[in-house]
Amino acid sequence: MKVLVIGGTGPTGPFVVNGFLERGYDVSILNRGSHHTDEIPASVERIIGDPHFGETLRSALSGRSFDLIVASYGRLRVIAEIAGDYTDRLISIGGAPGYRGTRHPEILFPEGVQVPLPEDAPKVKSEGEFRFGYLVKISEDAVMEGHHAKRYIATHLRYPLIYGPRQPLPCDWWLVRRLLDKRKYVVLPDGGLTVISRGYAENMANAILLAADQQETAAGKIYNCGDDQQLTLAQWVQVISETMDTHLDIISVPAKYSHPARDMMMGSHHSHHLQFDTHLIRSELGYKDTVPVLEAFRRTVDWYLSNPPELNKATEGNLAAQYEAEDAMAKIHGEMLEKLEQLGLEDAEFIHPYAHPKKPGAKKDHLGR
């Protein structure tokens, strides 16, 4: 069996490639050749080509055919258009932006996406609503149109926020960096109670391999992916801090003003949940986390400590501005807490609401009802 992995050197790529090698596949990878990892054996064929354009992709694939193509990189709607000329089976990777309300929760009623978010939830309707999300949506559509037209057998996987080695959008690094810089607190929107679906790279690679192993079941399906255990932002801070044997206080501010947290939340300017419903992939393909979540975050922290991202002056300046804003917000937060303490509020005593008679025959319960 011959498989082509388009991409291959990102967070999930080496896990996918090595998983196919363990299954006895003849594996090739295709990308622009701008990244390299020693985790992919030298025996794996490297095909250099740009999968963002039909002409460059066709040139790279000229005269070739594969039993399976895994499209984890490039312009998916372009790949979907021509994949049938080179394979009978396509597994494609997308993400959450195609869901309606992920960027602009206020357009939904009630405001915010459904929790948990199922595969058939509404999608972005137009470029005007959210251009990137609309492009994600029509790319998914292109894959499924190819399947229904019998150009190939398709399975589409929606990735959550990926964490682990080689992440080009290093959300976790911004927290690790704060701890390395001996920060005492971090700003989070609304107490950090937001759940954003995440997936450890090795776990998400396993989702691809399960889809490849079970063609009949996965044919024509779209699956949400994500770790079995999901954390709130506050728990995420706690887990990473504990891994680094330290502690960060959480400064809670309204989401509208939580600018220092934007990089840690993929640019989100709201605190609504984005939690995938992953029942389908667990029930149909038998997905389970290969690496438990707490161990996955430990490995992620170890990776960043050994491989800190190289930041340019602009990014370092942005981080310094975030720290300055956090310091100002911490001062305001402290002043607010002092004023709240002055109100002399007391917690209500818990009283269970059910009848609790003290002796038989009483006409009224302990609450006088």
Protein backbone atom coordinates (compact mmCIF):
# COMPACT_ATOMS: atom_id res chain seq x y z
CA MET A 1 0.00 0.00 0.00
CA LYS A 2 1.36 3.38 -1.01
CA VAL A 3 0.41 6.49 0.98
CA LEU A 4 1.26 10.12 0.32
CA VAL A 5 1.23 12.50 3.28
CA ILE A 6 0.91 16.10 2.09
CA GLY A 7 2.75 17.97 4.81
CA GLY A 8 4.50 15.54 7.11
CA THR A 9 6.86 17.80 9.07
CA GLY A 10 4.36 19.67 11.28
CA PRO A 11 3.13 18.71 14.76
CA THR A 12 1.26 15.54 13.74
CA GLY A 13 3.26 14.67 10.61
CA PRO A 14 6.04 12.44 11.99
CA PHE A 15 3.53 10.52 14.14
CA VAL A 16 1.37 9.95 11.06
CA VAL A 17 4.30 8.93 8.85
CA ASN A 18 5.77 6.54 11.41
CA GLY A 19 2.33 5.10 12.14
CA PHE A 20 1.93 4.21 8.48
CA LEU A 21 5.44 2.75 8.35
CA GLU A 22 4.58 0.53 11.33
CA ARG A 23 1.55 -0.68 9.37
CA GLY A 24 3.75 -1.67 6.44
CA TYR A 25 2.87 1.19 4.09
CA ASP A 26 5.26 2.58 1.47
CA VAL A 27 5.22 6.24 2.61
CA SER A 28 6.07 9.45 0.74
CA ILE A 29 5.69 13.03 1.95
CA LEU A 30 5.08 16.11 -0.16
CA ASN A 31 5.73 19.68 0.92
CA ARG A 32 7.69 22.76 -0.09
CA GLY A 33 10.87 21.45 1.53
CA SER A 34 11.20 24.38 3.90
CA HIS A 35 11.15 22.26 7.08
CA HIS A 36 12.96 19.11 8.12
CA THR A 37 12.72 16.75 11.07
CA ASP A 38 14.96 13.84 12.01
CA GLU A 39 11.90 12.00 13.33
CA ILE A 40 11.02 10.91 9.79
CA PRO A 41 13.35 8.15 8.53
CA ALA A 42 15.60 8.91 5.57
CA SER A 43 13.97 6.02 3.71
CA VAL A 44 10.75 8.04 3.33
CA GLU A 45 10.61 9.67 -0.11
CA ARG A 46 10.52 13.48 -0.04
CA ILE A 47 8.59 15.05 -2.91
CA ILE A 48 9.11 18.79 -3.26
CA GLY A 49 6.06 20.67 -4.48
CA ASP A 50 3.68 23.42 -3.44
CA PRO A 51 0.23 21.99 -2.57
CA HIS A 52 -1.39 25.43 -2.58
CA PHE A 53 -1.72 25.57 -6.37
CA GLY A 54 -3.07 23.07 -8.86
CA GLU A 55 -0.27 23.49 -11.40
CA THR A 56 2.58 22.99 -8.90
CA LEU A 57 0.83 20.06 -7.25
CA ARG A 58 0.16 18.34 -10.57
CA SER A 59 3.77 18.86 -11.58
CA ALA A 60 5.00 17.24 -8.34
CA LEU A 61 2.60 14.28 -8.71
CA SER A 62 3.09 13.71 -12.44
CA GLY A 63 3.23 9.99 -13.26
CA ARG A 64 2.50 8.93 -9.68
CA SER A 65 -0.40 7.13 -7.99
CA PHE A 66 -1.16 6.22 -4.39
CA ASP A 67 -3.60 4.00 -2.53
CA LEU A 68 -4.21 6.82 -0.06
CA ILE A 69 -3.47 10.54 0.17
CA VAL A 70 -3.54 12.29 3.53
CA ALA A 71 -3.97 16.05 3.01
CA SER A 72 -2.76 17.78 6.17
CA TYR A 73 -1.19 20.84 4.53
CA GLY A 74 -1.78 23.09 1.56
CA ARG A 75 -4.93 24.52 -0.01
CA LEU A 76 -7.46 21.78 0.58
CA ARG A 77 -10.00 22.80 -2.06
CA VAL A 78 -7.22 22.63 -4.68
CA ILE A 79 -6.13 19.21 -3.43
CA ALA A 80 -9.74 17.99 -3.44
CA GLU A 81 -10.17 19.05 -7.06
CA ILE A 82 -7.29 16.98 -8.41
CA ALA A 83 -6.76 14.21 -5.82
CA GLY A 84 -8.95 11.76 -7.74
CA ASP A 85 -6.42 11.70 -10.57
CA TYR A 86 -3.80 10.23 -8.24
CA THR A 87 -5.67 8.18 -5.60
CA ASP A 88 -8.88 6.32 -4.83
CA ARG A 89 -8.86 7.40 -1.17
CA LEU A 90 -8.46 10.81 0.49
CA ILE A 91 -8.24 11.68 4.20
CA SER A 92 -8.30 15.44 4.67
CA ILE A 93 -7.68 17.66 7.69
CA GLY A 94 -9.57 20.85 8.53
CA GLY A 95 -10.53 22.71 11.65
CA ALA A 96 -12.99 24.71 13.71
CA PRO A 97 -13.12 28.07 11.85
CA GLY A 98 -15.73 26.74 9.43
CA TYR A 99 -18.26 26.52 12.26
CA ARG A 100 -20.60 29.49 12.44
CA GLY A 101 -20.03 31.59 15.56
CA THR A 102 -16.48 30.56 16.44
CA ARG A 103 -15.20 34.01 15.51
CA HIS A 104 -18.40 36.02 15.95
CA PRO A 105 -20.50 34.30 18.65
CA GLU A 106 -22.92 37.22 18.70
CA ILE A 107 -24.47 36.20 15.36
CA LEU A 108 -25.99 33.09 16.95
CA PHE A 109 -28.97 32.78 19.27
CA PRO A 110 -28.44 32.11 22.03
CA GLU A 111 -25.04 33.77 21.70
CA GLY A 112 -22.13 31.34 21.34
CA VAL A 113 -21.72 27.96 19.65
CA GLN A 114 -23.44 24.82 20.91
CA VAL A 115 -21.61 23.03 23.73
CA PRO A 116 -20.36 20.47 22.93
CA LEU A 117 -20.18 21.34 19.23
CA PRO A 118 -21.43 18.54 16.93
CA GLU A 119 -20.25 17.83 13.39
CA ASP A 120 -23.52 19.05 11.87
CA ALA A 121 -23.64 22.44 13.62
CA PRO A 122 -24.21 25.46 11.31
CA LYS A 123 -21.29 26.60 9.14
CA VAL A 124 -20.13 30.07 8.09
CA LYS A 125 -22.46 31.39 5.38
CA SER A 126 -20.32 33.90 3.47
CA GLU A 127 -16.95 35.58 3.13
CA GLY A 128 -18.49 38.72 4.56
CA GLU A 129 -19.34 36.91 7.78
CA PHE A 130 -15.84 35.48 8.31
CA ARG A 131 -13.61 35.03 5.26
CA PHE A 132 -11.17 32.47 6.64
CA GLY A 133 -13.98 30.43 8.18
CA TYR A 134 -15.89 30.46 4.89
CA LEU A 135 -12.82 29.19 3.01
CA VAL A 136 -12.50 26.36 5.54
CA LYS A 137 -16.17 25.53 5.03
CA ILE A 138 -16.03 25.45 1.20
CA SER A 139 -12.85 23.35 1.39
CA GLU A 140 -14.72 20.74 3.41
CA ASP A 141 -17.53 20.94 0.88
CA ALA A 142 -15.07 20.36 -1.97
CA VAL A 143 -13.78 17.20 -0.31
CA MET A 144 -17.27 15.83 0.20
CA GLU A 145 -18.34 16.78 -3.34
CA GLY A 146 -15.42 14.72 -4.66
CA HIS A 147 -16.57 11.80 -2.54
CA HIS A 148 -20.19 12.01 -3.70
CA ALA A 149 -19.02 12.31 -7.31
CA LYS A 150 -17.07 9.04 -6.74
CA ARG A 151 -13.73 10.60 -7.67
CA TYR A 152 -12.34 9.09 -4.46
CA ILE A 153 -13.48 7.77 -1.07
CA ALA A 154 -13.16 10.63 1.42
CA THR A 155 -12.94 11.07 5.17
CA HIS A 156 -12.56 14.53 6.68
CA LEU A 157 -11.19 15.20 10.17
CA ARG A 158 -11.68 18.49 12.02
CA TYR A 159 -8.65 19.16 14.18
CA PRO A 160 -8.93 21.15 17.42
CA LEU A 161 -6.13 23.42 18.68
CA ILE A 162 -3.04 21.20 18.33
CA TYR A 163 -0.31 21.21 20.97
CA GLY A 164 2.99 19.41 21.18
CA PRO A 165 6.29 19.53 19.25
CA ARG A 166 6.81 21.69 16.13
CA GLN A 167 3.65 23.78 16.61
CA PRO A 168 3.84 26.86 14.32
CA LEU A 169 1.22 28.62 16.51
CA PRO A 170 2.78 28.01 19.92
CA CYS A 171 -0.06 28.95 22.30
CA ASP A 172 1.50 26.91 25.11
CA TRP A 173 4.87 28.58 24.64
CA TRP A 174 3.46 31.97 25.65
CA LEU A 175 2.58 30.52 29.04
CA VAL A 176 5.89 28.65 29.37
CA ARG A 177 7.71 31.88 28.47
CA ARG A 178 5.85 33.79 31.19
CA LEU A 179 6.98 31.21 33.72
CA LEU A 180 10.57 31.40 32.47
CA ASP A 181 10.37 35.17 32.80
CA LYS A 182 9.31 34.73 36.45
CA ARG A 183 5.93 36.34 35.97
CA LYS A 184 3.66 36.06 39.02
CA TYR A 185 0.32 36.22 37.23
CA VAL A 186 -1.38 35.87 33.87
CA VAL A 187 -4.45 37.68 32.52
CA LEU A 188 -7.30 35.42 31.40
CA PRO A 189 -10.82 36.33 30.26
CA ASP A 190 -13.61 35.76 32.77
CA GLY A 191 -11.60 33.74 35.26
CA GLY A 192 -10.19 31.39 32.63
CA LEU A 193 -13.31 29.22 32.68
CA THR A 194 -13.39 28.87 28.87
CA VAL A 195 -12.95 25.40 27.36
CA ILE A 196 -11.15 25.38 24.00
CA SER A 197 -10.85 21.91 22.47
CA ARG A 198 -7.24 20.81 22.20
CA GLY A 199 -5.53 17.75 20.83
CA TYR A 200 -2.03 16.47 21.50
CA ALA A 201 -0.18 15.90 18.23
CA GLU A 202 0.39 12.18 18.76
CA ASN A 203 -3.26 11.67 19.74
CA MET A 204 -4.52 13.49 16.65
CA ALA A 205 -2.18 11.47 14.42
CA ASN A 206 -3.83 8.38 15.85
CA ALA A 207 -7.21 9.72 14.67
CA ILE A 208 -5.86 9.79 11.09
CA LEU A 209 -4.49 6.26 11.40
CA LEU A 210 -7.80 4.96 12.75
CA ALA A 211 -9.62 6.47 9.77
CA ALA A 212 -7.10 4.85 7.42
CA ASP A 213 -7.51 1.48 9.13
CA GLN A 214 -11.32 1.54 8.86
CA GLN A 215 -12.13 2.67 5.33
CA GLU A 216 -15.64 1.23 5.17
CA THR A 217 -16.76 2.83 8.43
CA ALA A 218 -15.06 6.18 7.78
CA ALA A 219 -16.10 6.54 4.13
CA GLY A 220 -17.96 9.78 3.50
CA LYS A 221 -17.77 10.84 7.15
CA ILE A 222 -16.66 14.03 8.89
CA TYR A 223 -15.27 13.60 12.40
CA ASN A 224 -14.49 16.11 15.13
CA CYS A 225 -11.20 15.31 16.85
CA GLY A 226 -9.84 16.17 20.29
CA ASP A 227 -8.32 14.75 23.43
CA ASP A 228 -10.71 12.74 25.58
CA GLN A 229 -10.04 15.09 28.51
CA GLN A 230 -10.43 18.82 27.95
CA LEU A 231 -9.26 21.60 30.26
CA THR A 232 -10.48 25.10 30.98
CA LEU A 233 -7.92 27.84 30.41
CA ALA A 234 -7.47 28.09 34.18
CA GLN A 235 -6.78 24.35 34.43
CA TRP A 236 -4.38 24.64 31.48
CA VAL A 237 -2.45 27.31 33.40
CA GLN A 238 -2.44 25.13 36.51
CA VAL A 239 -1.21 22.02 34.68
CA ILE A 240 1.64 23.79 32.85
CA SER A 241 2.64 25.74 35.98
CA GLU A 242 2.72 22.57 38.06
CA THR A 243 4.79 20.85 35.37
CA MET A 244 7.35 23.66 35.71
CA ASP A 245 7.18 23.41 39.52
CA THR A 246 5.85 26.93 39.99
CA HIS A 247 2.59 28.87 40.23
CA LEU A 248 0.80 31.65 38.37
CA ASP A 249 -2.08 33.67 39.79
CA ILE A 250 -4.93 34.30 37.38
CA ILE A 251 -6.05 37.89 36.87
CA SER A 252 -9.65 37.73 35.71
CA VAL A 253 -10.80 40.50 33.37
CA PRO A 254 -13.76 40.77 30.98
CA ALA A 255 -13.02 39.11 27.65
CA LYS A 256 -13.26 42.45 25.84
CA TYR A 257 -10.16 43.68 27.67
CA SER A 258 -8.12 40.47 27.93
CA HIS A 259 -5.74 41.48 25.13
CA PRO A 260 -2.64 39.91 26.75
CA ALA A 261 -4.34 36.49 26.49
CA ARG A 262 -5.10 36.71 22.76
CA ASP A 263 -1.99 34.79 21.61
CA MET A 264 -2.78 31.99 24.05
CA MET A 265 -6.33 31.73 22.66
CA MET A 266 -5.64 31.75 18.90
CA GLY A 267 -6.69 35.40 18.73
CA SER A 268 -10.12 34.90 20.28
CA HIS A 269 -11.66 38.09 21.61
CA HIS A 270 -14.46 36.33 23.51
CA SER A 271 -14.67 33.71 26.25
CA HIS A 272 -17.34 31.43 24.80
CA HIS A 273 -16.54 27.72 24.83
CA LEU A 274 -15.27 25.94 21.72
CA GLN A 275 -15.60 22.33 22.81
CA PHE A 276 -15.93 19.70 20.11
CA ASP A 277 -18.36 16.83 20.49
CA THR A 278 -16.10 13.83 19.72
CA HIS A 279 -18.61 11.06 20.38
CA LEU A 280 -18.72 10.01 16.71
CA ILE A 281 -15.02 9.24 16.27
CA ARG A 282 -14.90 7.50 19.64
CA SER A 283 -17.97 5.36 19.00
CA GLU A 284 -17.34 4.55 15.32
CA LEU A 285 -13.55 4.36 15.05
CA GLY A 286 -12.70 3.51 18.66
CA TYR A 287 -10.64 6.64 19.29
CA LYS A 288 -8.90 6.88 22.68
CA ASP A 289 -6.04 9.13 23.71
CA THR A 290 -2.72 7.45 23.01
CA VAL A 291 -1.06 9.82 25.48
CA PRO A 292 -3.02 10.93 28.57
CA VAL A 293 -3.55 14.69 28.71
CA LEU A 294 -1.42 15.45 31.78
CA GLU A 295 1.48 13.48 30.30
CA ALA A 296 0.94 15.18 26.94
CA PHE A 297 1.33 18.62 28.51
CA ARG A 298 4.44 17.48 30.37
CA ARG A 299 5.97 16.39 27.07
CA THR A 300 4.95 19.67 25.46
CA VAL A 301 6.62 21.71 28.19
CA ASP A 302 9.78 19.59 27.93
CA TRP A 303 9.81 20.21 24.18
CA TYR A 304 9.61 23.98 24.57
CA LEU A 305 12.30 24.02 27.24
CA SER A 306 14.61 22.15 24.86
CA ASN A 307 13.43 23.93 21.70
CA PRO A 308 12.40 27.52 22.57
CA PRO A 309 10.97 29.31 19.51
CA GLU A 310 13.15 32.00 17.97
CA LEU A 311 11.28 35.29 18.28
CA ASN A 312 11.92 38.39 16.20
CA LYS A 313 12.15 41.89 17.66
CA ALA A 314 8.55 42.68 16.82
CA THR A 315 7.27 39.60 18.67
CA GLU A 316 9.50 40.30 21.67
CA GLY A 317 8.17 43.86 21.69
CA ASN A 318 4.62 42.58 21.60
CA LEU A 319 5.34 40.29 24.55
CA ALA A 320 6.81 43.20 26.51
CA ALA A 321 3.66 45.23 25.79
CA GLN A 322 1.53 42.32 27.03
CA TYR A 323 3.49 42.23 30.28
CA GLU A 324 3.02 45.96 30.71
CA ALA A 325 -0.73 45.61 30.14
CA GLU A 326 -0.91 42.69 32.56
CA ASP A 327 0.82 44.74 35.25
CA ALA A 328 -1.67 47.59 34.78
CA MET A 329 -4.59 45.15 34.88
CA ALA A 330 -3.23 43.47 38.02
CA LYS A 331 -3.23 46.86 39.76
CA ILE A 332 -6.83 47.57 38.70
CA HIS A 333 -7.86 44.04 39.68
CA GLY A 334 -6.37 44.49 43.16
CA GLU A 335 -8.19 47.79 43.63
CA MET A 336 -11.46 46.20 42.55
CA LEU A 337 -11.07 43.33 45.02
CA GLU A 338 -10.46 45.81 47.85
CA LYS A 339 -13.71 47.61 47.02
CA LEU A 340 -15.63 44.34 46.80
CA GLU A 341 -14.32 43.28 50.22
CA GLN A 342 -15.74 46.50 51.66
CA LEU A 343 -19.26 45.37 50.73
CA GLY A 344 -19.16 42.80 53.53
CA LEU A 345 -20.89 40.13 51.49
CA GLU A 346 -21.51 36.73 53.04
CA ASP A 347 -22.01 33.42 51.28
CA ALA A 348 -25.49 31.98 51.61
CA GLU A 349 -25.74 28.89 53.79
CA PHE A 350 -26.50 25.76 51.80
CA ILE A 351 -29.94 24.35 52.56
CA HIS A 352 -31.14 21.40 50.53
CA PRO A 353 -34.56 22.00 48.97
CA TYR A 354 -36.26 18.70 49.81
CA ALA A 355 -38.57 17.90 52.72
CA HIS A 356 -36.69 16.87 55.85
CA PRO A 357 -39.24 16.35 58.64
CA LYS A 358 -37.86 15.98 62.16
CA LYS A 359 -40.72 13.76 63.42
CA PRO A 360 -43.58 11.76 61.87
CA GLY A 361 -46.90 13.45 61.21
CA ALA A 362 -45.51 16.98 60.78
CA LYS A 363 -47.63 19.06 58.44
CA LYS A 364 -44.79 21.33 57.36
CA ASP A 365 -41.20 20.58 56.44
CA HIS A 366 -38.05 22.23 57.79
CA LEU A 367 -38.58 25.25 55.49
CA GLY A 368 -42.13 25.75 56.67
CA ARG A 369 -43.71 24.45 53.47
